[in-house]
PDB file of N, CA and C in Angstrom:
ATOM      1  N   UNK A   1      29.122 139.257 201.316  1.00  0.00           N
ATOM      2  CA  UNK A   1      28.097 138.602 200.516  1.00  0.00           C
ATOM      3  C   UNK A   1      26.897 138.215 201.387  1.00  0.00           C
ATOM      4  N   UNK A   2      26.823 138.775 202.588  1.00  0.00           N
ATOM      5  CA  UNK A   2      25.737 138.461 203.513  1.00  0.00           C
ATOM      6  C   UNK A   2      24.383 138.855 202.922  1.00  0.00           C
ATOM      7  N   UNK A   3      24.340 139.978 202.198  1.00  0.00           N
ATOM      8  CA  UNK A   3      23.075 140.435 201.627  1.00  0.00           C
ATOM      9  C   UNK A   3      22.525 139.389 200.652  1.00  0.00           C
ATOM     10  N   UNK A   4      23.396 138.817 199.822  1.00  0.00           N
ATOM     11  CA  UNK A   4      22.980 137.797 198.861  1.00  0.00           C
ATOM     12  C   UNK A   4      22.385 136.602 199.593  1.00  0.00           C
ATOM     13  N   UNK A   5      23.081 136.144 200.637  1.00  0.00           N
ATOM     14  CA  UNK A   5      22.615 134.971 201.372  1.00  0.00           C
ATOM     15  C   UNK A   5      21.299 135.248 202.088  1.00  0.00           C
ATOM     16  N   UNK A   6      21.140 136.469 202.609  1.00  0.00           N
ATOM     17  CA  UNK A   6      19.879 136.838 203.257  1.00  0.00           C
ATOM     18  C   UNK A   6      18.735 136.845 202.250  1.00  0.00           C
ATOM     19  N   UNK A   7      18.987 137.407 201.068  1.00  0.00           N
ATOM     20  CA  UNK A   7      17.975 137.433 200.008  1.00  0.00           C
ATOM     21  C   UNK A   7      17.583 136.014 199.617  1.00  0.00           C
ATOM     22  N   UNK A   8      18.580 135.153 199.473  1.00  0.00           N
ATOM     23  CA  UNK A   8      18.331 133.776 199.067  1.00  0.00           C
ATOM     24  C   UNK A   8      17.506 133.028 200.124  1.00  0.00           C
ATOM     25  N   UNK A   9      17.839 133.231 201.405  1.00  0.00           N
ATOM     26  CA  UNK A   9      17.082 132.581 202.473  1.00  0.00           C
ATOM     27  C   UNK A   9      15.629 133.051 202.488  1.00  0.00           C
ATOM     28  N   UNK A  10      15.428 134.352 202.338  1.00  0.00           N
ATOM     29  CA  UNK A  10      14.066 134.897 202.312  1.00  0.00           C
ATOM     30  C   UNK A  10      13.299 134.338 201.112  1.00  0.00           C
ATOM     31  N   UNK A  11      13.970 134.257 199.979  1.00  0.00           N
ATOM     32  CA  UNK A  11      13.351 133.725 198.772  1.00  0.00           C
ATOM     33  C   UNK A  11      12.925 132.268 198.974  1.00  0.00           C
ATOM     34  N   UNK A  12      13.772 131.485 199.639  1.00  0.00           N
ATOM     35  CA  UNK A  12      13.438 130.082 199.921  1.00  0.00           C
ATOM     36  C   UNK A  12      12.208 129.986 200.831  1.00  0.00           C
ATOM     37  N   UNK A  13      12.115 130.872 201.827  1.00  0.00           N
ATOM     38  CA  UNK A  13      10.957 130.864 202.734  1.00  0.00           C
ATOM     39  C   UNK A  13       9.675 131.207 201.975  1.00  0.00           C
ATOM     40  N   UNK A  14       9.780 132.171 201.069  1.00  0.00           N
ATOM     41  CA  UNK A  14       8.615 132.564 200.272  1.00  0.00           C
ATOM     42  C   UNK A  14       8.149 131.389 199.415  1.00  0.00           C
ATOM     43  N   UNK A  15       9.089 130.710 198.771  1.00  0.00           N
ATOM     44  CA  UNK A  15       8.745 129.562 197.930  1.00  0.00           C
ATOM     45  C   UNK A  15       8.062 128.479 198.763  1.00  0.00           C
ATOM     46  N   UNK A  16       8.595 128.224 199.950  1.00  0.00           N
ATOM     47  CA  UNK A  16       7.992 127.207 200.823  1.00  0.00           C
ATOM     48  C   UNK A  16       6.560 127.586 201.197  1.00  0.00           C
ATOM     49  N   UNK A  17       6.345 128.860 201.529  1.00  0.00           N
ATOM     50  CA  UNK A  17       4.993 129.311 201.907  1.00  0.00           C
ATOM     51  C   UNK A  17       4.033 129.150 200.739  1.00  0.00           C
ATOM     52  N   UNK A  18       4.487 129.545 199.546  1.00  0.00           N
ATOM     53  CA  UNK A  18       3.620 129.463 198.376  1.00  0.00           C
ATOM     54  C   UNK A  18       3.337 128.008 197.997  1.00  0.00           C
ATOM     55  N   UNK A  19       4.322 127.135 198.162  1.00  0.00           N
ATOM     56  CA  UNK A  19       4.135 125.726 197.814  1.00  0.00           C
ATOM     57  C   UNK A  19       3.133 125.035 198.738  1.00  0.00           C
ATOM     58  N   UNK A  20       3.025 125.488 199.981  1.00  0.00           N
ATOM     59  CA  UNK A  20       2.064 124.898 200.916  1.00  0.00           C
ATOM     60  C   UNK A  20       0.635 125.096 200.430  1.00  0.00           C
ATOM     61  N   UNK A  21       0.406 126.231 199.751  1.00  0.00           N
ATOM     62  CA  UNK A  21      -0.924 126.512 199.220  1.00  0.00           C
ATOM     63  C   UNK A  21      -1.934 126.932 200.276  1.00  0.00           C
ATOM     64  N   UNK A  22      -1.479 127.268 201.456  1.00  0.00           N
ATOM     65  CA  UNK A  22      -2.380 127.637 202.551  1.00  0.00           C
ATOM     66  C   UNK A  22      -2.497 129.149 202.711  1.00  0.00           C
ATOM     67  N   UNK A  23      -1.818 129.903 201.857  1.00  0.00           N
ATOM     68  CA  UNK A  23      -1.794 131.363 201.964  1.00  0.00           C
ATOM     69  C   UNK A  23      -2.945 131.940 201.132  1.00  0.00           C
ATOM     70  N   UNK A  24      -3.696 132.910 201.675  1.00  0.00           N
ATOM     71  CA  UNK A  24      -4.766 133.552 200.901  1.00  0.00           C
ATOM     72  C   UNK A  24      -4.207 134.191 199.621  1.00  0.00           C
ATOM     73  N   UNK A  25      -5.055 134.300 198.612  1.00  0.00           N
ATOM     74  CA  UNK A  25      -4.638 134.800 197.299  1.00  0.00           C
ATOM     75  C   UNK A  25      -3.923 136.148 197.385  1.00  0.00           C
ATOM     76  N   UNK A  26      -4.484 137.090 198.126  1.00  0.00           N
ATOM     77  CA  UNK A  26      -3.886 138.428 198.216  1.00  0.00           C
ATOM     78  C   UNK A  26      -2.466 138.361 198.784  1.00  0.00           C
ATOM     79  N   UNK A  27      -2.295 137.555 199.837  1.00  0.00           N
ATOM     80  CA  UNK A  27      -0.963 137.410 200.432  1.00  0.00           C
ATOM     81  C   UNK A  27      -0.026 136.671 199.472  1.00  0.00           C
ATOM     82  N   UNK A  28      -0.564 135.697 198.724  1.00  0.00           N
ATOM     83  CA  UNK A  28       0.239 134.975 197.741  1.00  0.00           C
ATOM     84  C   UNK A  28       0.806 135.933 196.696  1.00  0.00           C
ATOM     85  N   UNK A  29      -0.035 136.845 196.236  1.00  0.00           N
ATOM     86  CA  UNK A  29       0.413 137.818 195.232  1.00  0.00           C
ATOM     87  C   UNK A  29       1.505 138.729 195.795  1.00  0.00           C
ATOM     88  N   UNK A  30       1.330 139.147 197.056  1.00  0.00           N
ATOM     89  CA  UNK A  30       2.329 139.989 197.709  1.00  0.00           C
ATOM     90  C   UNK A  30       3.647 139.236 197.857  1.00  0.00           C
ATOM     91  N   UNK A  31       3.560 137.971 198.288  1.00  0.00           N
ATOM     92  CA  UNK A  31       4.762 137.154 198.441  1.00  0.00           C
ATOM     93  C   UNK A  31       5.442 136.924 197.097  1.00  0.00           C
ATOM     94  N   UNK A  32       4.626 136.672 196.066  1.00  0.00           N
ATOM     95  CA  UNK A  32       5.174 136.445 194.730  1.00  0.00           C
ATOM     96  C   UNK A  32       5.932 137.678 194.241  1.00  0.00           C
ATOM     97  N   UNK A  33       5.331 138.850 194.439  1.00  0.00           N
ATOM     98  CA  UNK A  33       5.971 140.106 194.022  1.00  0.00           C
ATOM     99  C   UNK A  33       7.295 140.310 194.764  1.00  0.00           C
ATOM    100  N   UNK A  34       7.285 140.062 196.082  1.00  0.00           N
ATOM    101  CA  UNK A  34       8.516 140.186 196.869  1.00  0.00           C
ATOM    102  C   UNK A  34       9.566 139.193 196.371  1.00  0.00           C
ATOM    103  N   UNK A  35       9.118 137.978 196.076  1.00  0.00           N
ATOM    104  CA  UNK A  35      10.031 136.947 195.569  1.00  0.00           C
ATOM    105  C   UNK A  35      10.677 137.340 194.253  1.00  0.00           C
ATOM    106  N   UNK A  36       9.896 137.951 193.371  1.00  0.00           N
ATOM    107  CA  UNK A  36      10.445 138.385 192.074  1.00  0.00           C
ATOM    108  C   UNK A  36      11.493 139.479 192.271  1.00  0.00           C
ATOM    109  N   UNK A  37      11.235 140.398 193.204  1.00  0.00           N
ATOM    110  CA  UNK A  37      12.198 141.463 193.491  1.00  0.00           C
ATOM    111  C   UNK A  37      13.481 140.882 194.087  1.00  0.00           C
ATOM    112  N   UNK A  38      13.336 139.925 195.001  1.00  0.00           N
ATOM    113  CA  UNK A  38      14.503 139.273 195.603  1.00  0.00           C
ATOM    114  C   UNK A  38      15.304 138.513 194.554  1.00  0.00           C
ATOM    115  N   UNK A  39      14.587 137.837 193.663  1.00  0.00           N
ATOM    116  CA  UNK A  39      15.240 137.077 192.601  1.00  0.00           C
ATOM    117  C   UNK A  39      16.066 138.003 191.704  1.00  0.00           C
ATOM    118  N   UNK A  40      15.492 139.143 191.350  1.00  0.00           N
ATOM    119  CA  UNK A  40      16.202 140.107 190.511  1.00  0.00           C
ATOM    120  C   UNK A  40      17.427 140.651 191.243  1.00  0.00           C
ATOM    121  N   UNK A  41      17.286 140.913 192.535  1.00  0.00           N
ATOM    122  CA  UNK A  41      18.392 141.424 193.337  1.00  0.00           C
ATOM    123  C   UNK A  41      19.519 140.395 193.416  1.00  0.00           C
ATOM    124  N   UNK A  42      19.154 139.126 193.650  1.00  0.00           N
ATOM    125  CA  UNK A  42      20.163 138.059 193.715  1.00  0.00           C
ATOM    126  C   UNK A  42      20.888 137.921 192.375  1.00  0.00           C
ATOM    127  N   UNK A  43      20.116 137.963 191.292  1.00  0.00           N
ATOM    128  CA  UNK A  43      20.703 137.836 189.954  1.00  0.00           C
ATOM    129  C   UNK A  43      21.709 138.963 189.692  1.00  0.00           C
ATOM    130  N   UNK A  44      21.333 140.191 190.091  1.00  0.00           N
ATOM    131  CA  UNK A  44      22.213 141.343 189.895  1.00  0.00           C
ATOM    132  C   UNK A  44      23.518 141.167 190.666  1.00  0.00           C
ATOM    133  N   UNK A  45      23.419 140.704 191.916  1.00  0.00           N
ATOM    134  CA  UNK A  45      24.619 140.494 192.724  1.00  0.00           C
ATOM    135  C   UNK A  45      25.503 139.403 192.134  1.00  0.00           C
ATOM    136  N   UNK A  46      24.882 138.343 191.612  1.00  0.00           N
ATOM    137  CA  UNK A  46      25.658 137.270 190.987  1.00  0.00           C
ATOM    138  C   UNK A  46      26.390 137.771 189.748  1.00  0.00           C
ATOM    139  N   UNK A  47      25.707 138.596 188.945  1.00  0.00           N
ATOM    140  CA  UNK A  47      26.341 139.146 187.751  1.00  0.00           C
ATOM    141  C   UNK A  47      27.524 140.038 188.116  1.00  0.00           C
ATOM    142  N   UNK A  48      27.374 140.824 189.191  1.00  0.00           N
ATOM    143  CA  UNK A  48      28.475 141.680 189.635  1.00  0.00           C
ATOM    144  C   UNK A  48      29.648 140.835 190.113  1.00  0.00           C
ATOM    145  N   UNK A  49      29.357 139.774 190.861  1.00  0.00           N
ATOM    146  CA  UNK A  49      30.405 138.898 191.368  1.00  0.00           C
ATOM    147  C   UNK A  49      31.088 138.169 190.217  1.00  0.00           C
ATOM    148  N   UNK A  50      30.310 137.766 189.212  1.00  0.00           N
ATOM    149  CA  UNK A  50      30.847 137.051 188.066  1.00  0.00           C
ATOM    150  C   UNK A  50      31.896 137.896 187.348  1.00  0.00           C
ATOM    151  N   UNK A  51      31.667 139.200 187.301  1.00  0.00           N
ATOM    152  CA  UNK A  51      32.613 140.087 186.653  1.00  0.00           C
ATOM    153  C   UNK A  51      33.939 140.173 187.382  1.00  0.00           C
ATOM    154  N   UNK A  52      33.957 139.778 188.648  1.00  0.00           N
ATOM    155  CA  UNK A  52      35.180 139.870 189.443  1.00  0.00           C
ATOM    156  C   UNK A  52      35.951 138.546 189.491  1.00  0.00           C
ATOM    157  N   UNK A  53      35.296 137.482 189.006  1.00  0.00           N
ATOM    158  CA  UNK A  53      35.928 136.160 189.066  1.00  0.00           C
ATOM    159  C   UNK A  53      37.095 136.091 188.097  1.00  0.00           C
ATOM    160  N   UNK A  54      38.149 135.499 188.531  1.00  0.00           N
ATOM    161  CA  UNK A  54      39.301 135.320 187.653  1.00  0.00           C
ATOM    162  C   UNK A  54      39.626 133.835 187.550  1.00  0.00           C
ATOM    163  N   UNK A  55      40.049 133.454 186.361  1.00  0.00           N
ATOM    164  CA  UNK A  55      40.451 132.075 186.148  1.00  0.00           C
ATOM    165  C   UNK A  55      41.978 132.038 186.177  1.00  0.00           C
ATOM    166  N   UNK A  56      42.495 131.113 186.937  1.00  0.00           N
ATOM    167  CA  UNK A  56      43.945 130.969 186.998  1.00  0.00           C
ATOM    168  C   UNK A  56      44.393 129.928 185.976  1.00  0.00           C
ATOM    169  N   UNK A  57      45.270 130.330 185.107  1.00  0.00           N
ATOM    170  CA  UNK A  57      45.793 129.428 184.100  1.00  0.00           C
ATOM    171  C   UNK A  57      47.271 129.175 184.358  1.00  0.00           C
ATOM    172  N   UNK A  58      47.655 127.949 184.208  1.00  0.00           N
ATOM    173  CA  UNK A  58      49.059 127.613 184.399  1.00  0.00           C
ATOM    174  C   UNK A  58      49.762 127.731 183.051  1.00  0.00           C
ATOM    175  N   UNK A  59      50.643 128.702 182.954  1.00  0.00           N
ATOM    176  CA  UNK A  59      51.396 128.918 181.718  1.00  0.00           C
ATOM    177  C   UNK A  59      52.877 129.009 182.066  1.00  0.00           C
ATOM    178  N   UNK A  60      53.658 128.210 181.396  1.00  0.00           N
ATOM    179  CA  UNK A  60      55.098 128.177 181.634  1.00  0.00           C
ATOM    180  C   UNK A  60      55.423 127.948 183.105  1.00  0.00           C
ATOM    181  N   UNK A  61      54.666 127.084 183.752  1.00  0.00           N
ATOM    182  CA  UNK A  61      54.925 126.748 185.148  1.00  0.00           C
ATOM    183  C   UNK A  61      54.478 127.797 186.148  1.00  0.00           C
ATOM    184  N   UNK A  62      53.826 128.886 185.681  1.00  0.00           N
ATOM    185  CA  UNK A  62      53.366 129.945 186.590  1.00  0.00           C
ATOM    186  C   UNK A  62      51.852 130.095 186.472  1.00  0.00           C
ATOM    187  N   UNK A  63      51.251 130.470 187.580  1.00  0.00           N
ATOM    188  CA  UNK A  63      49.822 130.745 187.552  1.00  0.00           C
ATOM    189  C   UNK A  63      49.613 132.184 187.106  1.00  0.00           C
ATOM    190  N   UNK A  64      48.723 132.347 186.144  1.00  0.00           N
ATOM    191  CA  UNK A  64      48.460 133.680 185.621  1.00  0.00           C
ATOM    192  C   UNK A  64      46.959 133.941 185.679  1.00  0.00           C
ATOM    193  N   UNK A  65      46.571 135.071 186.243  1.00  0.00           N
ATOM    194  CA  UNK A  65      45.149 135.416 186.354  1.00  0.00           C
ATOM    195  C   UNK A  65      44.655 136.013 185.047  1.00  0.00           C
ATOM    196  N   UNK A  66      43.488 135.561 184.615  1.00  0.00           N
ATOM    197  CA  UNK A  66      42.842 136.141 183.439  1.00  0.00           C
ATOM    198  C   UNK A  66      41.399 136.426 183.800  1.00  0.00           C
ATOM    199  N   UNK A  67      40.822 137.486 183.225  1.00  0.00           N
ATOM    200  CA  UNK A  67      39.425 137.806 183.537  1.00  0.00           C
ATOM    201  C   UNK A  67      38.502 136.667 183.114  1.00  0.00           C
ATOM    202  N   UNK A  68      37.490 136.424 183.913  1.00  0.00           N
ATOM    203  CA  UNK A  68      36.510 135.399 183.609  1.00  0.00           C
ATOM    204  C   UNK A  68      35.528 135.943 182.593  1.00  0.00           C
ATOM    205  N   UNK A  69      35.310 135.200 181.514  1.00  0.00           N
ATOM    206  CA  UNK A  69      34.325 135.605 180.517  1.00  0.00           C
ATOM    207  C   UNK A  69      33.249 134.535 180.456  1.00  0.00           C
ATOM    208  N   UNK A  70      32.062 134.826 181.005  1.00  0.00           N
ATOM    209  CA  UNK A  70      31.000 133.817 181.033  1.00  0.00           C
ATOM    210  C   UNK A  70      30.499 133.488 179.636  1.00  0.00           C
ATOM    211  N   UNK A  71      30.112 132.249 179.442  1.00  0.00           N
ATOM    212  CA  UNK A  71      29.524 131.840 178.173  1.00  0.00           C
ATOM    213  C   UNK A  71      28.088 132.327 178.183  1.00  0.00           C
ATOM    214  N   UNK A  72      27.738 133.117 177.181  1.00  0.00           N
ATOM    215  CA  UNK A  72      26.374 133.640 177.122  1.00  0.00           C
ATOM    216  C   UNK A  72      25.533 132.781 176.191  1.00  0.00           C
ATOM    217  N   UNK A  73      24.234 132.898 176.341  1.00  0.00           N
ATOM    218  CA  UNK A  73      23.322 132.132 175.497  1.00  0.00           C
ATOM    219  C   UNK A  73      23.423 132.584 174.049  1.00  0.00           C
ATOM    220  N   UNK A  74      23.901 133.795 173.826  1.00  0.00           N
ATOM    221  CA  UNK A  74      23.965 134.346 172.473  1.00  0.00           C
ATOM    222  C   UNK A  74      25.235 133.934 171.731  1.00  0.00           C
ATOM    223  N   UNK A  75      26.126 133.199 172.397  1.00  0.00           N
ATOM    224  CA  UNK A  75      27.382 132.808 171.776  1.00  0.00           C
ATOM    225  C   UNK A  75      27.106 131.949 170.539  1.00  0.00           C
ATOM    226  N   UNK A  76      27.599 132.377 169.369  1.00  0.00           N
ATOM    227  CA  UNK A  76      27.334 131.624 168.141  1.00  0.00           C
ATOM    228  C   UNK A  76      28.129 130.330 168.087  1.00  0.00           C
ATOM    229  N   UNK A  77      27.543 129.330 167.469  1.00  0.00           N
ATOM    230  CA  UNK A  77      28.248 128.082 167.219  1.00  0.00           C
ATOM    231  C   UNK A  77      28.404 127.177 168.429  1.00  0.00           C
ATOM    232  N   UNK A  78      27.771 127.484 169.550  1.00  0.00           N
ATOM    233  CA  UNK A  78      27.885 126.614 170.734  1.00  0.00           C
ATOM    234  C   UNK A  78      26.550 125.914 170.944  1.00  0.00           C
ATOM    235  N   UNK A  79      26.510 124.641 170.586  1.00  0.00           N
ATOM    236  CA  UNK A  79      25.267 123.887 170.770  1.00  0.00           C
ATOM    237  C   UNK A  79      25.561 122.527 171.292  1.00  0.00           C
TER     238      UNK A  79
END
């Protein structure tokens, strides 16, 4: 998961640079574009990892693995 952590660290540095407000407009746009690409990459890796997560349930005194099903925003009746 080193790639994810590297992307996240780079993304944090970009945010810090942009928040300072000392970067010229052209460089700000370049940094913003890179940040959006990193954000999409991180999101994709998280979604892939989420699919591999398993929840352990204790049934009849034994731990049983079940696939993790994330709650989506589209889930009806959950408010």
